[in-house]
Amino acid sequence: NVHHTFAGTDEQRLEDLQNALDNTEIKAIICARGGYGTGRIIDKLDFTVFLKYPKWLVGFSDITILHTHLHQLSIASIHGSMPLLFPKQTPQAIQSLKDVLFGKKILIKAEKHEFNQIGIKKGILIGGNLSLFVNSLGTKSEIMTENKILFIEDVNEYIYHLDRMMVQLYRANKLKNLAGLVIGQFSEIKDNIKGFGASLEETIVEWTKEYTYPIAFNFPIGHQENNMSVICGKVMTLDLW
């Protein structure tokens, strides 16, 4: 039953997701699309059975709240495309999801970018949608970022909104001691009529310029046709030269 903009009431959606988490015969939960509303039920989910019989959880965008929450439980998850978007995805993106699901080595190459900050670092990969990551601060899903590689992406935001979120990360010391930072795709980014006065890239540089860790821009992750899959909670190497 439809409830507001959701597929059902909070209670119905909670029951459905709880059943999927508890089903020991399921090998993976692949979210059909970004799950706006997951934040309304996340604290009511019981992960007791899931911790004993973990399975892959796959998705991105609003599914970021599940990635951050699972990270707190030391459970890895897959940031990757979803069935509703499969028809628009490149063969490489679909193959990357298959590779991750079936345990193949992950190697993602990106084009060089003028704002890249060179270096090589290893760290546990965390992150996802910037809006949702910032929204997790101050909740049970908040992630400690020290010595980790943070990746961010977003869609349909104004540059000044993105600046506000970068300020929040900066003030919360989430950017301070990273092992590295990966800037994914920021699609359909808008500027207000007056104009913010800086590009997305320049805005990010402004809040990271005091740090020396490697930073990769224009990485193929996020709301785009070539949305490559990565594992949140897994040690990765970020190599920029």
C-alpha atoms as a PDB file:
ATOM      1  CA  ASN A   1       0.000   0.000   0.000  1.00  0.00           C
ATOM      2  CA  VAL A   2       1.305   3.428  -0.937  1.00  0.00           C
ATOM      3  CA  HIS A   3       1.809   5.758   2.038  1.00  0.00           C
ATOM      4  CA  HIS A   4       2.662   9.355   1.172  1.00  0.00           C
ATOM      5  CA  THR A   5       5.623   9.047  -1.232  1.00  0.00           C
ATOM      6  CA  PHE A   6       6.610   5.632   0.156  1.00  0.00           C
ATOM      7  CA  ALA A   7       5.795   2.119  -1.067  1.00  0.00           C
ATOM      8  CA  GLY A   8       4.026   1.449   2.238  1.00  0.00           C
ATOM      9  CA  THR A   9       3.751   2.563   5.824  1.00  0.00           C
ATOM     10  CA  ASP A  10       6.857   2.609   7.989  1.00  0.00           C
ATOM     11  CA  GLU A  11       5.596  -0.543   9.700  1.00  0.00           C
ATOM     12  CA  GLN A  12       5.087  -2.368   6.398  1.00  0.00           C
ATOM     13  CA  ARG A  13       8.455  -1.393   5.005  1.00  0.00           C
ATOM     14  CA  LEU A  14      10.155  -2.252   8.282  1.00  0.00           C
ATOM     15  CA  GLU A  15       8.591  -5.716   8.214  1.00  0.00           C
ATOM     16  CA  ASP A  16       9.638  -6.319   4.599  1.00  0.00           C
ATOM     17  CA  LEU A  17      13.253  -5.298   5.143  1.00  0.00           C
ATOM     18  CA  GLN A  18      13.458  -7.157   8.450  1.00  0.00           C
ATOM     19  CA  ASN A  19      12.231 -10.341   6.746  1.00  0.00           C
ATOM     20  CA  ALA A  20      14.905  -9.972   4.067  1.00  0.00           C
ATOM     21  CA  LEU A  21      17.629  -9.391   6.655  1.00  0.00           C
ATOM     22  CA  ASP A  22      16.528 -12.432   8.674  1.00  0.00           C
ATOM     23  CA  ASN A  23      16.159 -14.848   5.734  1.00  0.00           C
ATOM     24  CA  THR A  24      19.217 -17.106   5.998  1.00  0.00           C
ATOM     25  CA  GLU A  25      18.763 -18.473   2.461  1.00  0.00           C
ATOM     26  CA  ILE A  26      19.151 -15.094   0.784  1.00  0.00           C
ATOM     27  CA  LYS A  27      22.688 -14.328  -0.442  1.00  0.00           C
ATOM     28  CA  ALA A  28      22.149 -10.658  -1.268  1.00  0.00           C
ATOM     29  CA  ILE A  29      19.624  -7.869  -0.886  1.00  0.00           C
ATOM     30  CA  ILE A  30      19.701  -5.662  -3.985  1.00  0.00           C
ATOM     31  CA  CYS A  31      17.675  -2.514  -3.489  1.00  0.00           C
ATOM     32  CA  ALA A  32      15.420  -1.736  -6.457  1.00  0.00           C
ATOM     33  CA  ARG A  33      16.098   1.998  -6.204  1.00  0.00           C
ATOM     34  CA  GLY A  34      17.306   4.656  -3.786  1.00  0.00           C
ATOM     35  CA  GLY A  35      15.319   4.200  -0.594  1.00  0.00           C
ATOM     36  CA  TYR A  36      14.259   7.593   0.626  1.00  0.00           C
ATOM     37  CA  GLY A  37      12.521   6.867   3.909  1.00  0.00           C
ATOM     38  CA  THR A  38      15.032   4.294   5.123  1.00  0.00           C
ATOM     39  CA  GLY A  39      16.062   6.768   7.799  1.00  0.00           C
ATOM     40  CA  ARG A  40      12.549   6.554   9.228  1.00  0.00           C
ATOM     41  CA  ILE A  41      12.989   2.861  10.068  1.00  0.00           C
ATOM     42  CA  ILE A  42      16.750   2.267  10.407  1.00  0.00           C
ATOM     43  CA  ASP A  43      16.819   2.460  14.214  1.00  0.00           C
ATOM     44  CA  LYS A  44      13.988  -0.077  14.514  1.00  0.00           C
ATOM     45  CA  LEU A  45      15.743  -2.791  12.501  1.00  0.00           C
ATOM     46  CA  ASP A  46      17.081  -5.804  14.410  1.00  0.00           C
ATOM     47  CA  PHE A  47      20.425  -6.992  13.009  1.00  0.00           C
ATOM     48  CA  THR A  48      20.872  -9.937  15.404  1.00  0.00           C
ATOM     49  CA  VAL A  49      20.252 -12.650  12.794  1.00  0.00           C
ATOM     50  CA  PHE A  50      21.963 -10.645  10.065  1.00  0.00           C
ATOM     51  CA  LEU A  51      25.171 -10.490  12.105  1.00  0.00           C
ATOM     52  CA  LYS A  52      25.194 -14.283  12.410  1.00  0.00           C
ATOM     53  CA  TYR A  53      24.294 -14.828   8.743  1.00  0.00           C
ATOM     54  CA  PRO A  54      25.511 -11.735   6.866  1.00  0.00           C
ATOM     55  CA  LYS A  55      24.679 -11.151   3.224  1.00  0.00           C
ATOM     56  CA  TRP A  56      25.494  -8.518   0.653  1.00  0.00           C
ATOM     57  CA  LEU A  57      23.384  -5.384   0.668  1.00  0.00           C
ATOM     58  CA  VAL A  58      23.571  -3.504  -2.636  1.00  0.00           C
ATOM     59  CA  GLY A  59      22.499   0.014  -3.544  1.00  0.00           C
ATOM     60  CA  PHE A  60      23.481   3.677  -3.548  1.00  0.00           C
ATOM     61  CA  SER A  61      22.033   7.171  -3.198  1.00  0.00           C
ATOM     62  CA  ASP A  62      19.554   7.126  -0.273  1.00  0.00           C
ATOM     63  CA  ILE A  63      20.736   3.583   0.505  1.00  0.00           C
ATOM     64  CA  THR A  64      23.838   5.300   1.932  1.00  0.00           C
ATOM     65  CA  ILE A  65      22.186   5.303   5.353  1.00  0.00           C
ATOM     66  CA  LEU A  66      22.237   1.492   5.316  1.00  0.00           C
ATOM     67  CA  HIS A  67      25.913   1.494   4.303  1.00  0.00           C
ATOM     68  CA  THR A  68      26.849   3.808   7.165  1.00  0.00           C
ATOM     69  CA  HIS A  69      24.763   1.834   9.654  1.00  0.00           C
ATOM     70  CA  LEU A  70      26.221  -1.517   8.578  1.00  0.00           C
ATOM     71  CA  HIS A  71      29.720  -0.074   8.889  1.00  0.00           C
ATOM     72  CA  GLN A  72      29.011   0.516  12.569  1.00  0.00           C
ATOM     73  CA  LEU A  73      28.311  -3.230  12.814  1.00  0.00           C
ATOM     74  CA  SER A  74      31.573  -4.086  10.983  1.00  0.00           C
ATOM     75  CA  ILE A  75      29.620  -5.491   8.026  1.00  0.00           C
ATOM     76  CA  ALA A  76      30.784  -4.701   4.483  1.00  0.00           C
ATOM     77  CA  SER A  77      28.245  -3.687   1.836  1.00  0.00           C
ATOM     78  CA  ILE A  78      28.221  -2.885  -1.869  1.00  0.00           C
ATOM     79  CA  HIS A  79      27.790   0.638  -3.208  1.00  0.00           C
ATOM     80  CA  GLY A  80      26.549  -0.084  -6.709  1.00  0.00           C
ATOM     81  CA  SER A  81      23.786   0.302  -9.246  1.00  0.00           C
ATOM     82  CA  MET A  82      20.215  -0.877  -8.734  1.00  0.00           C
ATOM     83  CA  PRO A  83      17.700  -2.757 -10.935  1.00  0.00           C
ATOM     84  CA  LEU A  84      15.630   0.312 -11.793  1.00  0.00           C
ATOM     85  CA  LEU A  85      18.764   1.822 -13.345  1.00  0.00           C
ATOM     86  CA  PHE A  86      20.238  -1.315 -14.937  1.00  0.00           C
ATOM     87  CA  PRO A  87      18.845  -0.526 -18.446  1.00  0.00           C
ATOM     88  CA  LYS A  88      20.756   2.775 -18.485  1.00  0.00           C
ATOM     89  CA  GLN A  89      24.032   1.423 -17.094  1.00  0.00           C
ATOM     90  CA  THR A  90      27.121   0.750 -19.196  1.00  0.00           C
ATOM     91  CA  PRO A  91      28.260  -2.865 -19.646  1.00  0.00           C
ATOM     92  CA  GLN A  92      31.315  -1.989 -17.547  1.00  0.00           C
ATOM     93  CA  ALA A  93      29.135  -0.844 -14.643  1.00  0.00           C
ATOM     94  CA  ILE A  94      27.005  -4.001 -14.741  1.00  0.00           C
ATOM     95  CA  GLN A  95      30.120  -6.163 -14.953  1.00  0.00           C
ATOM     96  CA  SER A  96      31.678  -4.373 -11.981  1.00  0.00           C
ATOM     97  CA  LEU A  97      28.641  -5.249  -9.863  1.00  0.00           C
ATOM     98  CA  LYS A  98      28.882  -8.885 -10.927  1.00  0.00           C
ATOM     99  CA  ASP A  99      32.598  -8.919 -10.146  1.00  0.00           C
ATOM    100  CA  VAL A 100      32.062  -7.540  -6.647  1.00  0.00           C
ATOM    101  CA  LEU A 101      29.182  -9.921  -5.927  1.00  0.00           C
ATOM    102  CA  PHE A 102      31.249 -12.929  -6.945  1.00  0.00           C
ATOM    103  CA  GLY A 103      34.464 -11.963  -5.197  1.00  0.00           C
ATOM    104  CA  LYS A 104      36.657 -10.790  -8.063  1.00  0.00           C
ATOM    105  CA  LYS A 105      39.393  -8.206  -7.550  1.00  0.00           C
ATOM    106  CA  ILE A 106      38.297  -4.594  -7.821  1.00  0.00           C
ATOM    107  CA  LEU A 107      40.356  -2.240  -9.977  1.00  0.00           C
ATOM    108  CA  ILE A 108      38.817   1.042 -11.069  1.00  0.00           C
ATOM    109  CA  LYS A 109      40.690   3.510 -13.245  1.00  0.00           C
ATOM    110  CA  ALA A 110      39.738   7.158 -13.587  1.00  0.00           C
ATOM    111  CA  GLU A 111      40.867   9.921 -15.895  1.00  0.00           C
ATOM    112  CA  LYS A 112      43.393  12.397 -14.523  1.00  0.00           C
ATOM    113  CA  HIS A 113      41.903  15.642 -13.243  1.00  0.00           C
ATOM    114  CA  GLU A 114      43.502  19.055 -12.771  1.00  0.00           C
ATOM    115  CA  PHE A 115      42.392  19.220  -9.129  1.00  0.00           C
ATOM    116  CA  ASN A 116      43.689  15.767  -8.180  1.00  0.00           C
ATOM    117  CA  GLN A 117      46.088  15.640  -5.248  1.00  0.00           C
ATOM    118  CA  ILE A 118      48.693  12.949  -5.865  1.00  0.00           C
ATOM    119  CA  GLY A 119      49.715  10.263  -3.412  1.00  0.00           C
ATOM    120  CA  ILE A 120      49.069   6.663  -2.479  1.00  0.00           C
ATOM    121  CA  LYS A 121      47.261   5.526   0.657  1.00  0.00           C
ATOM    122  CA  LYS A 122      45.445   2.468   1.964  1.00  0.00           C
ATOM    123  CA  GLY A 123      42.340   2.670   4.095  1.00  0.00           C
ATOM    124  CA  ILE A 124      38.900   1.279   4.743  1.00  0.00           C
ATOM    125  CA  LEU A 125      36.469   2.657   2.171  1.00  0.00           C
ATOM    126  CA  ILE A 126      33.464   4.550   3.529  1.00  0.00           C
ATOM    127  CA  GLY A 127      30.950   7.036   2.207  1.00  0.00           C
ATOM    128  CA  GLY A 128      28.283   7.342  -0.445  1.00  0.00           C
ATOM    129  CA  ASN A 129      25.783  10.090  -1.087  1.00  0.00           C
ATOM    130  CA  LEU A 130      27.055  13.330   0.453  1.00  0.00           C
ATOM    131  CA  SER A 131      23.625  14.526   1.616  1.00  0.00           C
ATOM    132  CA  LEU A 132      22.934  11.243   3.404  1.00  0.00           C
ATOM    133  CA  PHE A 133      26.444  11.003   4.850  1.00  0.00           C
ATOM    134  CA  VAL A 134      26.112  14.483   6.352  1.00  0.00           C
ATOM    135  CA  ASN A 135      22.597  13.617   7.534  1.00  0.00           C
ATOM    136  CA  SER A 136      24.032  10.696   9.528  1.00  0.00           C
ATOM    137  CA  LEU A 137      26.150  12.974  11.726  1.00  0.00           C
ATOM    138  CA  GLY A 138      24.911  12.973  15.293  1.00  0.00           C
ATOM    139  CA  THR A 139      22.990   9.706  14.838  1.00  0.00           C
ATOM    140  CA  LYS A 140      23.688   6.046  15.608  1.00  0.00           C
ATOM    141  CA  SER A 141      24.841   5.695  11.985  1.00  0.00           C
ATOM    142  CA  GLU A 142      27.630   8.292  12.203  1.00  0.00           C
ATOM    143  CA  ILE A 143      31.001   6.980  11.004  1.00  0.00           C
ATOM    144  CA  MET A 144      34.406   7.836  12.394  1.00  0.00           C
ATOM    145  CA  THR A 145      36.529   8.809   9.378  1.00  0.00           C
ATOM    146  CA  GLU A 146      40.072   8.777  10.768  1.00  0.00           C
ATOM    147  CA  ASN A 147      42.537   6.887   8.518  1.00  0.00           C
ATOM    148  CA  LYS A 148      39.747   5.906   6.133  1.00  0.00           C
ATOM    149  CA  ILE A 149      39.139   6.660   2.462  1.00  0.00           C
ATOM    150  CA  LEU A 150      35.956   8.691   2.105  1.00  0.00           C
ATOM    151  CA  PHE A 151      34.068   8.809  -1.184  1.00  0.00           C
ATOM    152  CA  ILE A 152      31.184  11.185  -1.879  1.00  0.00           C
ATOM    153  CA  GLU A 153      28.705  11.736  -4.701  1.00  0.00           C
ATOM    154  CA  ASP A 154      25.392  13.548  -5.119  1.00  0.00           C
ATOM    155  CA  VAL A 155      22.713  14.606  -7.570  1.00  0.00           C
ATOM    156  CA  ASN A 156      20.418  17.557  -8.227  1.00  0.00           C
ATOM    157  CA  GLU A 157      21.936  19.903  -5.651  1.00  0.00           C
ATOM    158  CA  TYR A 158      22.843  23.569  -5.699  1.00  0.00           C
ATOM    159  CA  ILE A 159      26.521  24.427  -5.330  1.00  0.00           C
ATOM    160  CA  TYR A 160      25.829  26.447  -2.201  1.00  0.00           C
ATOM    161  CA  HIS A 161      24.074  23.398  -0.697  1.00  0.00           C
ATOM    162  CA  LEU A 162      27.199  21.349  -1.401  1.00  0.00           C
ATOM    163  CA  ASP A 163      29.344  24.064   0.159  1.00  0.00           C
ATOM    164  CA  ARG A 164      27.152  23.923   3.268  1.00  0.00           C
ATOM    165  CA  MET A 165      27.640  20.161   3.499  1.00  0.00           C
ATOM    166  CA  MET A 166      31.401  20.417   3.032  1.00  0.00           C
ATOM    167  CA  VAL A 167      31.462  23.008   5.828  1.00  0.00           C
ATOM    168  CA  GLN A 168      29.574  20.545   8.027  1.00  0.00           C
ATOM    169  CA  LEU A 169      32.109  17.792   7.312  1.00  0.00           C
ATOM    170  CA  TYR A 170      34.952  20.212   7.980  1.00  0.00           C
ATOM    171  CA  ARG A 171      33.522  21.481  11.264  1.00  0.00           C
ATOM    172  CA  ALA A 172      32.779  17.925  12.408  1.00  0.00           C
ATOM    173  CA  ASN A 173      36.437  16.976  11.709  1.00  0.00           C
ATOM    174  CA  LYS A 174      35.344  14.358   9.191  1.00  0.00           C
ATOM    175  CA  LEU A 175      37.873  15.633   6.627  1.00  0.00           C
ATOM    176  CA  LYS A 176      40.784  16.170   9.001  1.00  0.00           C
ATOM    177  CA  ASN A 177      42.509  12.788   9.308  1.00  0.00           C
ATOM    178  CA  LEU A 178      41.360  10.913   6.229  1.00  0.00           C
ATOM    179  CA  ALA A 179      43.628   8.490   4.406  1.00  0.00           C
ATOM    180  CA  GLY A 180      42.179   9.799   1.157  1.00  0.00           C
ATOM    181  CA  LEU A 181      39.171  11.437  -0.473  1.00  0.00           C
ATOM    182  CA  VAL A 182      37.364  10.315  -3.628  1.00  0.00           C
ATOM    183  CA  ILE A 183      35.023  12.729  -5.384  1.00  0.00           C
ATOM    184  CA  GLY A 184      32.501  10.762  -7.406  1.00  0.00           C
ATOM    185  CA  GLN A 185      29.943  12.092  -9.860  1.00  0.00           C
ATOM    186  CA  PHE A 186      27.947  15.172  -8.918  1.00  0.00           C
ATOM    187  CA  SER A 187      25.195  15.082 -11.512  1.00  0.00           C
ATOM    188  CA  GLU A 188      22.684  17.781 -12.448  1.00  0.00           C
ATOM    189  CA  ILE A 189      24.404  20.313 -10.207  1.00  0.00           C
ATOM    190  CA  LYS A 190      22.750  23.736 -10.263  1.00  0.00           C
ATOM    191  CA  ASP A 191      23.725  27.283  -9.411  1.00  0.00           C
ATOM    192  CA  ASN A 192      21.375  29.966  -8.119  1.00  0.00           C
ATOM    193  CA  ILE A 193      20.574  33.054 -10.171  1.00  0.00           C
ATOM    194  CA  LYS A 194      23.130  35.255  -8.437  1.00  0.00           C
ATOM    195  CA  GLY A 195      25.766  32.551  -8.722  1.00  0.00           C
ATOM    196  CA  PHE A 196      27.816  31.011  -5.926  1.00  0.00           C
ATOM    197  CA  GLY A 197      31.076  32.248  -7.423  1.00  0.00           C
ATOM    198  CA  ALA A 198      32.957  28.955  -7.449  1.00  0.00           C
ATOM    199  CA  SER A 199      32.672  25.622  -9.207  1.00  0.00           C
ATOM    200  CA  LEU A 200      31.938  22.379  -7.395  1.00  0.00           C
ATOM    201  CA  GLU A 201      35.607  21.383  -7.642  1.00  0.00           C
ATOM    202  CA  GLU A 202      36.820  24.746  -6.352  1.00  0.00           C
ATOM    203  CA  THR A 203      34.378  24.502  -3.456  1.00  0.00           C
ATOM    204  CA  ILE A 204      35.715  21.090  -2.437  1.00  0.00           C
ATOM    205  CA  VAL A 205      39.317  22.270  -2.743  1.00  0.00           C
ATOM    206  CA  GLU A 206      38.551  25.223  -0.467  1.00  0.00           C
ATOM    207  CA  TRP A 207      37.635  22.865   2.377  1.00  0.00           C
ATOM    208  CA  THR A 208      40.420  20.334   1.804  1.00  0.00           C
ATOM    209  CA  LYS A 209      43.385  22.522   0.794  1.00  0.00           C
ATOM    210  CA  GLU A 210      45.080  22.236   4.201  1.00  0.00           C
ATOM    211  CA  TYR A 211      45.279  18.451   3.954  1.00  0.00           C
ATOM    212  CA  THR A 212      47.973  16.457   2.143  1.00  0.00           C
ATOM    213  CA  TYR A 213      46.207  13.128   1.578  1.00  0.00           C
ATOM    214  CA  PRO A 214      45.432  12.008  -1.997  1.00  0.00           C
ATOM    215  CA  ILE A 215      42.231  13.377  -3.511  1.00  0.00           C
ATOM    216  CA  ALA A 216      40.685  11.972  -6.692  1.00  0.00           C
ATOM    217  CA  PHE A 217      38.133  13.987  -8.659  1.00  0.00           C
ATOM    218  CA  ASN A 218      35.627  12.836 -11.293  1.00  0.00           C
ATOM    219  CA  PHE A 219      35.659   9.206 -10.136  1.00  0.00           C
ATOM    220  CA  PRO A 220      33.135   6.918 -11.901  1.00  0.00           C
ATOM    221  CA  ILE A 221      30.839   6.419  -8.897  1.00  0.00           C
ATOM    222  CA  GLY A 222      27.380   7.876  -8.455  1.00  0.00           C
ATOM    223  CA  HIS A 223      24.372   9.040 -10.435  1.00  0.00           C
ATOM    224  CA  GLN A 224      25.691   8.350 -13.923  1.00  0.00           C
ATOM    225  CA  GLU A 225      25.588   5.628 -16.561  1.00  0.00           C
ATOM    226  CA  ASN A 226      29.007   4.272 -15.610  1.00  0.00           C
ATOM    227  CA  ASN A 227      28.374   3.751 -11.889  1.00  0.00           C
ATOM    228  CA  MET A 228      31.147   1.399 -10.827  1.00  0.00           C
ATOM    229  CA  SER A 229      30.627  -0.801  -7.778  1.00  0.00           C
ATOM    230  CA  VAL A 230      32.829  -0.656  -4.684  1.00  0.00           C
ATOM    231  CA  ILE A 231      32.780  -2.334  -1.285  1.00  0.00           C
ATOM    232  CA  CYS A 232      32.114  -0.129   1.719  1.00  0.00           C
ATOM    233  CA  GLY A 233      34.026  -1.414   4.730  1.00  0.00           C
ATOM    234  CA  LYS A 234      36.848  -3.018   2.736  1.00  0.00           C
ATOM    235  CA  VAL A 235      40.486  -1.913   2.728  1.00  0.00           C
ATOM    236  CA  MET A 236      41.247  -0.227  -0.585  1.00  0.00           C
ATOM    237  CA  THR A 237      44.282   1.488  -2.105  1.00  0.00           C
ATOM    238  CA  LEU A 238      43.946   4.976  -3.566  1.00  0.00           C
ATOM    239  CA  ASP A 239      46.816   5.614  -5.994  1.00  0.00           C
ATOM    240  CA  LEU A 240      47.146   8.973  -7.740  1.00  0.00           C
ATOM    241  CA  TRP A 241      50.149   9.940  -9.830  1.00  0.00           C
END
